[in-house]
Amino acid sequence: MIMYAADSKFGHIGYVVIDRVPVGNPIAIGGVRMRKGLTLEEIVDLAREMTLKFAFLNIPVGGAKAGVLWKPLSSPEERKEYFTAFGRSISPLLKKGLYCAGEDLGVNSVDIYHIKKGAGVKTHIPSTSKGISGYYTGLSVYICTEQLLSSLGMEIKGARVAIEGFGKVGTSAARLFYNAGAKVVAVSTVKGGIYNPQGLDIDKIVAIAEARGDDVVKEYTEAEQISSDGLLDIDVDVLAPCAGPYSITKENLHRLKAKMVVPGANIPVTSEAELLLYERGIHCMPAFVSSCGGILAYALIEHGFHGVELDSIMREGFGKRVCRLIEKAQKESLSLSQAARETAERSIANNYMIDDNRQKSNRNDLLWKLYKKSRRARAGFLLKSFATSYMTEELLKDSPGWTKL
């Protein structure tokens, strides 16, 4: 479903695309983005990507995406008015709960607040949970890279990594790689790129980026200046695209020198390029797998997991799920994208409904229900160790609907 958003003052202001709504759970979730050059085709592709993310993780909701057309906004007041108008235009979807909006490229929590206020939906002043999605998306990039390298007999330590985009996701991924002993040799922003074959000082770059934003690539002097897309030309083990869409296409694929591509952005590789990468023997983790850490983290937070327990489930449960995906691709001679899509499509075909076998509760299921009840009584800590192990195992199963447990 496609909704065109319009306003009497601003005219055509954007789109909302709902890719699908699961049977029995009529809700679709996806971020709102605003960037120059945004197209309806991009929003359609992103909405489908969200469906595949949720389906791969067996989370029983549909995928959606919204796009606000680019407009130079001169003040916070004008920005508030613009996003309020967008929210007012799409209010039927938000009021019915059919579409749940979140932050995405170019859109922050304050913008989402104004969208919801404009739609007349009850909302709260933005919280200080800034960075949760960025960190856990960066973590899923790291986990996928670790599993992929391991399948090839390699380790994170010493691996040469290039990261396109140094926002919340790129920064988090860079820190994780750097702290694990990988050699991050190049990063880029919209202002350009930097390259040092001996490795970059990520702690220093992060500190500069916090003060100077995208200009970090101009301020960091211990590296060679390259273009924003110059990362394609660097011989590295891992290229992690964590910026905008369609950064790797069939037109620029001939320049790519990385051994593997592990995205943190949505749809950074076109479907044509994915196929060509596979034919060239370059491993490409589908973005709906490697960039799904943010939505997985939010789902786990809803179940009471935070901090150490959340990281443990991500690294163990999600990590083993990715490992099984890689094994499936190797065993069946499929690309990683084909193998992941088969897994996701199987979940979609089942309409995200709980498997009949799950209706027979075993001892662990009963303990899980007790954990949920204990959380409501503020005593969830008593079963937290069990619940962490239980959810780690749930992530390894192919029975759709684990978030309904």
Protein backbone atom coordinates (compact mmCIF):
# COMPACT_ATOMS: atom_id res chain seq x y z
CA MET A 1 0.00 0.00 0.00
CA ILE A 2 1.28 3.47 -0.92
CA MET A 3 0.03 6.69 0.68
CA TYR A 4 1.00 10.04 -0.82
CA ALA A 5 1.39 12.72 1.85
CA ALA A 6 0.35 16.27 0.93
CA ASP A 7 -0.27 19.57 2.71
CA SER A 8 -2.10 22.75 1.68
CA LYS A 9 0.99 24.89 2.40
CA PHE A 10 3.87 22.57 1.42
CA GLY A 11 2.19 20.58 -1.36
CA HIS A 12 3.45 17.02 -1.99
CA ILE A 13 5.49 16.26 1.12
CA GLY A 14 6.32 12.55 1.03
CA TYR A 15 5.17 8.92 1.07
CA VAL A 16 4.35 6.00 3.33
CA VAL A 17 4.74 2.49 1.93
CA ILE A 18 3.39 -0.53 3.79
CA ASP A 19 4.88 -3.66 2.27
CA ARG A 20 2.68 -6.15 4.10
CA VAL A 21 0.62 -6.63 7.25
CA PRO A 22 0.76 -10.11 8.86
CA VAL A 23 -2.39 -12.10 9.46
CA GLY A 24 -3.64 -11.65 13.01
CA ASN A 25 -1.26 -8.77 13.80
CA PRO A 26 -2.15 -5.77 11.61
CA ILE A 27 0.86 -3.56 12.19
CA ALA A 28 3.80 -2.54 10.02
CA ILE A 29 6.95 -0.90 11.39
CA GLY A 30 9.60 1.17 9.66
CA GLY A 31 11.54 4.41 9.93
CA VAL A 32 10.96 7.80 8.36
CA ARG A 33 13.81 9.22 6.28
CA MET A 34 14.55 12.52 4.57
CA ARG A 35 17.42 13.03 2.16
CA LYS A 36 18.22 14.72 -1.13
CA GLY A 37 17.26 12.60 -4.13
CA LEU A 38 14.73 10.50 -2.21
CA THR A 39 12.41 8.56 -4.55
CA LEU A 40 9.29 6.47 -4.17
CA GLU A 41 11.21 3.49 -5.58
CA GLU A 42 13.69 3.78 -2.72
CA ILE A 43 10.90 3.84 -0.12
CA VAL A 44 9.27 0.78 -1.73
CA ASP A 45 12.60 -1.09 -1.62
CA LEU A 46 13.17 -0.06 2.00
CA ALA A 47 9.70 -1.20 3.07
CA ARG A 48 10.37 -4.61 1.54
CA GLU A 49 13.74 -4.69 3.32
CA MET A 50 11.96 -4.13 6.64
CA THR A 51 9.60 -7.04 5.94
CA LEU A 52 12.60 -9.28 5.27
CA LYS A 53 14.33 -8.14 8.48
CA PHE A 54 11.34 -8.96 10.65
CA ALA A 55 10.72 -12.23 8.81
CA PHE A 56 14.36 -13.36 9.12
CA LEU A 57 14.13 -12.80 12.88
CA ASN A 58 10.62 -14.34 13.10
CA ILE A 59 9.21 -11.14 14.58
CA PRO A 60 5.50 -11.14 13.66
CA VAL A 61 5.06 -7.63 12.26
CA GLY A 62 5.07 -6.24 8.74
CA GLY A 63 7.57 -3.96 7.04
CA ALA A 64 6.97 -0.33 6.15
CA LYS A 65 8.89 2.85 5.38
CA ALA A 66 8.12 6.55 5.08
CA GLY A 67 9.93 9.24 3.17
CA VAL A 68 9.74 13.00 3.66
CA LEU A 69 10.75 14.90 0.55
CA TRP A 70 13.86 17.02 0.96
CA LYS A 71 13.35 20.67 1.80
CA PRO A 72 15.97 23.13 3.11
CA LEU A 73 14.63 24.05 6.55
CA SER A 74 15.88 27.37 7.91
CA SER A 75 14.96 27.02 11.58
CA PRO A 76 13.76 24.55 14.23
CA GLU A 77 10.33 26.19 14.01
CA GLU A 78 10.08 25.54 10.26
CA ARG A 79 11.30 21.97 10.73
CA LYS A 80 8.64 21.45 13.39
CA GLU A 81 5.96 22.81 11.04
CA TYR A 82 7.14 20.64 8.15
CA PHE A 83 7.15 17.37 10.09
CA THR A 84 3.90 18.25 11.85
CA ALA A 85 2.31 18.70 8.41
CA PHE A 86 3.64 15.31 7.33
CA GLY A 87 2.18 13.69 10.45
CA ARG A 88 -1.17 15.36 9.88
CA SER A 89 -1.26 14.03 6.33
CA ILE A 90 -0.60 10.41 7.33
CA SER A 91 -2.70 10.51 10.51
CA PRO A 92 -5.15 7.75 9.42
CA LEU A 93 -2.33 5.19 9.35
CA LEU A 94 -0.84 6.31 12.65
CA LYS A 95 -4.15 6.63 14.51
CA LYS A 96 -5.26 3.15 13.49
CA GLY A 97 -1.91 1.73 14.57
CA LEU A 98 -1.40 0.28 11.11
CA TYR A 99 1.95 2.05 10.76
CA CYS A 100 4.49 2.59 13.54
CA ALA A 101 7.10 5.23 12.68
CA GLY A 102 10.69 5.48 13.91
CA GLU A 103 13.90 7.36 13.21
CA ASP A 104 15.88 6.84 10.03
CA LEU A 105 18.36 8.68 7.80
CA GLY A 106 17.98 12.46 8.20
CA VAL A 107 15.19 12.20 10.77
CA ASN A 108 15.63 12.39 14.55
CA SER A 109 13.52 11.64 17.61
CA VAL A 110 12.25 15.23 17.80
CA ASP A 111 10.98 14.98 14.20
CA ILE A 112 9.14 11.75 15.05
CA TYR A 113 7.61 13.50 18.07
CA HIS A 114 6.26 16.26 15.80
CA ILE A 115 4.96 13.72 13.27
CA LYS A 116 2.98 11.94 15.98
CA LYS A 117 1.71 15.20 17.47
CA GLY A 118 0.64 16.33 14.02
CA ALA A 119 -1.27 13.08 13.57
CA GLY A 120 -3.02 13.51 16.91
CA VAL A 121 -1.38 10.40 18.34
CA LYS A 122 -0.47 10.25 22.02
CA THR A 123 3.29 10.56 22.34
CA HIS A 124 6.00 11.59 24.75
CA ILE A 125 8.82 14.09 24.66
CA PRO A 126 11.87 12.32 23.14
CA SER A 127 13.80 10.30 25.68
CA THR A 128 17.55 10.10 26.16
CA SER A 129 17.79 6.58 24.63
CA LYS A 130 19.77 8.09 21.76
CA GLY A 131 22.18 5.67 20.12
CA ILE A 132 20.55 2.34 21.06
CA SER A 133 19.58 1.47 17.50
CA GLY A 134 22.92 2.69 16.11
CA TYR A 135 24.96 0.66 18.58
CA TYR A 136 23.06 -2.60 18.10
CA THR A 137 22.98 -2.24 14.32
CA GLY A 138 26.75 -1.77 14.50
CA LEU A 139 26.90 -4.87 16.68
CA SER A 140 24.97 -6.96 14.14
CA VAL A 141 27.43 -5.80 11.46
CA TYR A 142 30.29 -6.88 13.71
CA ILE A 143 28.69 -10.26 14.54
CA CYS A 144 27.98 -11.04 10.87
CA THR A 145 31.55 -10.10 9.94
CA GLU A 146 32.97 -12.27 12.72
CA GLN A 147 30.90 -15.28 11.61
CA LEU A 148 31.72 -14.77 7.93
CA LEU A 149 35.45 -14.42 8.59
CA SER A 150 35.37 -17.52 10.80
CA SER A 151 33.72 -19.54 8.02
CA LEU A 152 36.70 -18.63 5.82
CA GLY A 153 39.27 -19.56 8.47
CA MET A 154 40.02 -15.92 9.34
CA GLU A 155 39.77 -13.84 12.52
CA ILE A 156 38.58 -10.34 13.35
CA LYS A 157 41.97 -9.54 14.86
CA GLY A 158 44.17 -8.19 12.11
CA ALA A 159 41.40 -8.02 9.50
CA ARG A 160 41.52 -4.91 7.30
CA VAL A 161 38.22 -3.02 7.40
CA ALA A 162 36.83 0.00 5.54
CA ILE A 163 33.64 1.71 6.74
CA GLU A 164 31.47 3.90 4.53
CA GLY A 165 29.53 6.38 6.65
CA PHE A 166 30.50 7.54 10.12
CA GLY A 167 27.14 8.18 11.73
CA LYS A 168 25.68 6.23 14.64
CA VAL A 169 25.99 2.83 12.93
CA GLY A 170 29.37 3.40 11.31
CA THR A 171 30.86 4.80 14.50
CA SER A 172 29.59 1.86 16.59
CA ALA A 173 30.86 -0.70 14.08
CA ALA A 174 34.25 1.04 13.89
CA ARG A 175 34.64 0.98 17.68
CA LEU A 176 33.71 -2.71 17.87
CA PHE A 177 36.17 -3.66 15.11
CA TYR A 178 38.92 -1.48 16.57
CA ASN A 179 38.50 -2.81 20.10
CA ALA A 180 38.59 -6.40 18.77
CA GLY A 181 41.96 -5.82 17.13
CA ALA A 182 40.83 -5.30 13.54
CA LYS A 183 42.70 -2.73 11.49
CA VAL A 184 40.21 -0.06 10.37
CA VAL A 185 42.16 1.45 7.48
CA ALA A 186 39.54 3.76 5.94
CA VAL A 187 36.32 5.60 6.77
CA SER A 188 34.22 8.06 4.81
CA THR A 189 31.46 10.63 5.21
CA VAL A 190 29.61 12.82 2.71
CA LYS A 191 32.57 15.24 2.98
CA GLY A 192 35.15 12.70 1.74
CA GLY A 193 37.24 9.84 3.05
CA ILE A 194 40.52 9.07 4.83
CA TYR A 195 42.86 6.12 4.37
CA ASN A 196 45.88 4.86 6.26
CA PRO A 197 47.13 1.35 5.40
CA GLN A 198 48.67 1.11 8.91
CA GLY A 199 45.26 1.65 10.51
CA LEU A 200 43.33 4.64 11.86
CA ASP A 201 43.12 5.75 15.48
CA ILE A 202 39.37 5.21 15.90
CA ASP A 203 39.24 6.67 19.42
CA LYS A 204 40.72 9.89 18.09
CA ILE A 205 38.46 9.95 15.03
CA VAL A 206 35.34 9.41 17.16
CA ALA A 207 36.36 12.29 19.44
CA ILE A 208 36.82 14.59 16.43
CA ALA A 209 33.55 13.42 14.87
CA GLU A 210 31.63 14.23 18.06
CA ALA A 211 32.79 17.83 17.71
CA ARG A 212 33.00 18.25 13.93
CA GLY A 213 30.52 15.73 12.49
CA ASP A 214 31.10 14.79 8.85
CA ASP A 215 34.07 17.19 8.69
CA VAL A 216 36.06 14.65 10.71
CA VAL A 217 37.61 13.47 7.44
CA LYS A 218 39.04 16.96 6.93
CA GLU A 219 40.26 17.35 10.50
CA TYR A 220 42.02 14.00 10.99
CA THR A 221 45.51 14.54 9.58
CA GLU A 222 47.17 11.15 10.08
CA ALA A 223 45.77 9.70 6.85
CA GLU A 224 45.55 10.19 3.11
CA GLN A 225 42.54 12.14 1.83
CA ILE A 226 40.37 10.18 -0.61
CA SER A 227 36.90 10.64 -2.12
CA SER A 228 33.72 9.44 -0.41
CA ASP A 229 33.48 6.48 -2.77
CA GLY A 230 37.23 5.85 -2.75
CA LEU A 231 36.73 2.98 -0.31
CA LEU A 232 35.73 0.82 -3.27
CA ASP A 233 39.28 1.03 -4.60
CA ILE A 234 41.00 -0.13 -1.41
CA ASP A 235 42.17 -3.71 -0.98
CA VAL A 236 40.53 -4.75 2.31
CA ASP A 237 39.06 -7.87 3.85
CA VAL A 238 35.78 -6.17 4.79
CA LEU A 239 33.84 -3.25 3.38
CA ALA A 240 30.98 -2.15 5.65
CA PRO A 241 28.62 0.27 3.86
CA CYS A 242 26.88 2.19 6.68
CA ALA A 243 25.66 5.25 4.78
CA GLY A 244 22.94 5.73 2.17
CA PRO A 245 21.28 3.40 -0.35
CA TYR A 246 22.65 1.99 -3.61
CA SER A 247 26.33 2.69 -2.93
CA ILE A 248 27.36 -0.53 -4.73
CA THR A 249 25.83 -1.01 -8.19
CA LYS A 250 26.62 -2.93 -11.36
CA GLU A 251 28.16 0.31 -12.72
CA ASN A 252 30.84 0.67 -10.00
CA LEU A 253 31.21 -2.99 -9.03
CA HIS A 254 34.33 -3.39 -11.18
CA ARG A 255 36.19 -1.10 -8.76
CA LEU A 256 35.42 -3.16 -5.64
CA LYS A 257 38.50 -4.80 -4.11
CA ALA A 258 37.06 -6.01 -0.78
CA LYS A 259 36.84 -9.74 -0.09
CA MET A 260 33.45 -9.35 1.60
CA VAL A 261 30.70 -6.77 2.01
CA VAL A 262 28.81 -6.54 5.31
CA PRO A 263 26.33 -3.64 5.29
CA GLY A 264 25.08 -1.56 8.20
CA ALA A 265 22.89 0.56 5.93
CA ASN A 266 19.62 -0.42 4.29
CA ILE A 267 19.73 -1.49 0.60
CA PRO A 268 23.32 -0.29 -0.02
CA VAL A 269 23.80 -2.99 -2.67
CA THR A 270 21.44 -3.29 -5.63
CA SER A 271 19.98 -6.72 -6.38
CA GLU A 272 21.88 -6.82 -9.70
CA ALA A 273 25.14 -6.05 -7.91
CA GLU A 274 24.47 -8.73 -5.26
CA LEU A 275 24.22 -11.36 -7.99
CA LEU A 276 27.39 -10.13 -9.69
CA LEU A 277 29.26 -10.14 -6.38
CA TYR A 278 28.35 -13.79 -5.87
CA GLU A 279 29.51 -14.65 -9.39
CA ARG A 280 32.83 -12.92 -8.67
CA GLY A 281 33.30 -14.88 -5.45
CA ILE A 282 32.87 -11.84 -3.19
CA HIS A 283 30.86 -12.68 -0.07
CA CYS A 284 28.00 -10.24 0.49
CA MET A 285 25.87 -10.49 3.62
CA PRO A 286 22.35 -9.26 2.77
CA ALA A 287 21.66 -5.94 4.49
CA PHE A 288 18.39 -7.16 5.98
CA VAL A 289 20.48 -9.61 8.04
CA SER A 290 23.58 -7.58 8.95
CA SER A 291 21.68 -4.35 9.69
CA CYS A 292 18.86 -5.90 11.73
CA GLY A 293 20.51 -5.45 15.13
CA GLY A 294 18.54 -2.32 15.98
CA ILE A 295 15.09 -3.86 15.56
CA LEU A 296 16.19 -7.06 17.29
CA ALA A 297 17.48 -5.06 20.25
CA TYR A 298 14.21 -3.15 20.60
CA ALA A 299 12.25 -6.43 20.50
CA LEU A 300 14.47 -7.88 23.23
CA ILE A 301 14.21 -4.72 25.33
CA GLU A 302 10.43 -5.14 25.22
CA HIS A 303 10.97 -8.54 26.82
CA GLY A 304 13.00 -7.06 29.67
CA PHE A 305 16.57 -7.57 28.42
CA HIS A 306 19.17 -4.84 28.85
CA GLY A 307 22.92 -4.39 29.07
CA VAL A 308 24.95 -7.57 29.51
CA GLU A 309 21.98 -9.92 28.92
CA LEU A 310 21.01 -8.11 25.71
CA ASP A 311 24.58 -8.21 24.37
CA SER A 312 24.83 -11.90 25.29
CA ILE A 313 21.65 -12.82 23.40
CA MET A 314 22.81 -10.82 20.38
CA ARG A 315 26.25 -12.39 20.28
CA GLU A 316 25.17 -15.95 21.08
CA GLY A 317 21.64 -16.30 19.69
CA PHE A 318 21.87 -13.99 16.67
CA GLY A 319 25.47 -15.04 16.08
CA LYS A 320 24.56 -18.72 15.84
CA ARG A 321 21.58 -17.86 13.60
CA VAL A 322 23.97 -16.12 11.21
CA CYS A 323 26.37 -19.07 11.42
CA ARG A 324 23.56 -21.42 10.37
CA LEU A 325 22.72 -19.10 7.49
CA ILE A 326 26.31 -19.25 6.25
CA GLU A 327 26.34 -23.05 6.58
CA LYS A 328 23.07 -23.29 4.61
CA ALA A 329 24.50 -21.15 1.81
CA GLN A 330 27.66 -23.25 1.61
CA LYS A 331 25.87 -26.59 1.80
CA GLU A 332 23.27 -25.72 -0.84
CA SER A 333 25.63 -23.70 -3.07
CA LEU A 334 23.56 -20.54 -2.65
CA SER A 335 24.54 -16.92 -2.27
CA LEU A 336 24.10 -15.55 1.24
CA SER A 337 21.27 -13.41 -0.10
CA GLN A 338 19.46 -16.41 -1.61
CA ALA A 339 19.83 -18.42 1.59
CA ALA A 340 18.59 -15.57 3.78
CA ARG A 341 15.66 -14.82 1.50
CA GLU A 342 14.58 -18.45 1.58
CA THR A 343 14.59 -18.30 5.39
CA ALA A 344 12.62 -15.04 5.42
CA GLU A 345 10.15 -16.13 2.74
CA ARG A 346 9.40 -19.30 4.69
CA SER A 347 8.45 -17.16 7.67
CA ILE A 348 6.34 -14.88 5.45
CA ALA A 349 4.55 -17.90 3.95
CA ASN A 350 3.62 -18.98 7.46
CA ASN A 351 2.14 -15.53 8.06
CA TYR A 352 4.36 -15.18 11.12
CA MET A 353 1.94 -17.45 12.98
CA ILE A 354 3.16 -19.67 15.82
CA ASP A 355 3.86 -23.22 14.75
CA ASP A 356 1.25 -25.78 15.88
CA ASN A 357 3.99 -27.59 17.79
CA ARG A 358 4.42 -24.52 19.96
CA GLN A 359 0.90 -24.88 21.33
CA LYS A 360 2.15 -27.71 23.57
CA SER A 361 4.03 -25.88 26.29
CA ASN A 362 7.05 -27.62 27.75
CA ARG A 363 8.69 -26.91 31.08
CA ASN A 364 10.84 -24.08 29.68
CA ASP A 365 7.83 -22.40 28.05
CA LEU A 366 6.03 -22.48 31.39
CA LEU A 367 9.06 -20.96 33.12
CA TRP A 368 9.14 -18.25 30.44
CA LYS A 369 5.50 -17.39 31.17
CA LEU A 370 6.40 -17.24 34.86
CA TYR A 371 9.27 -14.86 33.98
CA LYS A 372 6.85 -12.56 32.15
CA LYS A 373 4.50 -12.55 35.14
CA SER A 374 7.39 -11.89 37.52
CA ARG A 375 8.42 -8.87 35.42
CA ARG A 376 5.00 -7.33 35.95
CA ALA A 377 5.56 -7.86 39.68
CA ARG A 378 9.03 -6.25 39.37
CA ALA A 379 10.67 -9.55 40.24
CA GLY A 380 11.94 -10.52 36.78
CA PHE A 381 15.53 -10.55 38.05
CA LEU A 382 14.79 -13.83 39.83
CA LEU A 383 14.52 -15.67 36.48
CA LYS A 384 16.76 -13.40 34.36
CA SER A 385 19.53 -15.98 33.93
CA PHE A 386 17.02 -18.59 32.73
CA ALA A 387 15.26 -16.07 30.48
CA THR A 388 18.55 -15.04 28.83
CA SER A 389 19.41 -18.65 27.97
CA TYR A 390 15.83 -19.35 26.86
CA MET A 391 15.71 -16.38 24.46
CA THR A 392 19.15 -17.24 23.07
CA GLU A 393 17.82 -20.67 22.11
CA GLU A 394 14.57 -19.20 20.75
CA LEU A 395 16.56 -17.13 18.25
CA LEU A 396 17.96 -20.33 16.78
CA LYS A 397 14.53 -21.80 16.02
CA ASP A 398 12.57 -21.45 12.79
CA SER A 399 9.17 -21.42 14.49
CA PRO A 400 7.73 -17.98 13.68
CA GLY A 401 6.40 -15.75 16.40
CA TRP A 402 8.94 -15.93 19.24
CA THR A 403 8.08 -12.38 20.31
CA LYS A 404 4.53 -13.53 21.08
CA LEU A 405 5.72 -16.02 23.67
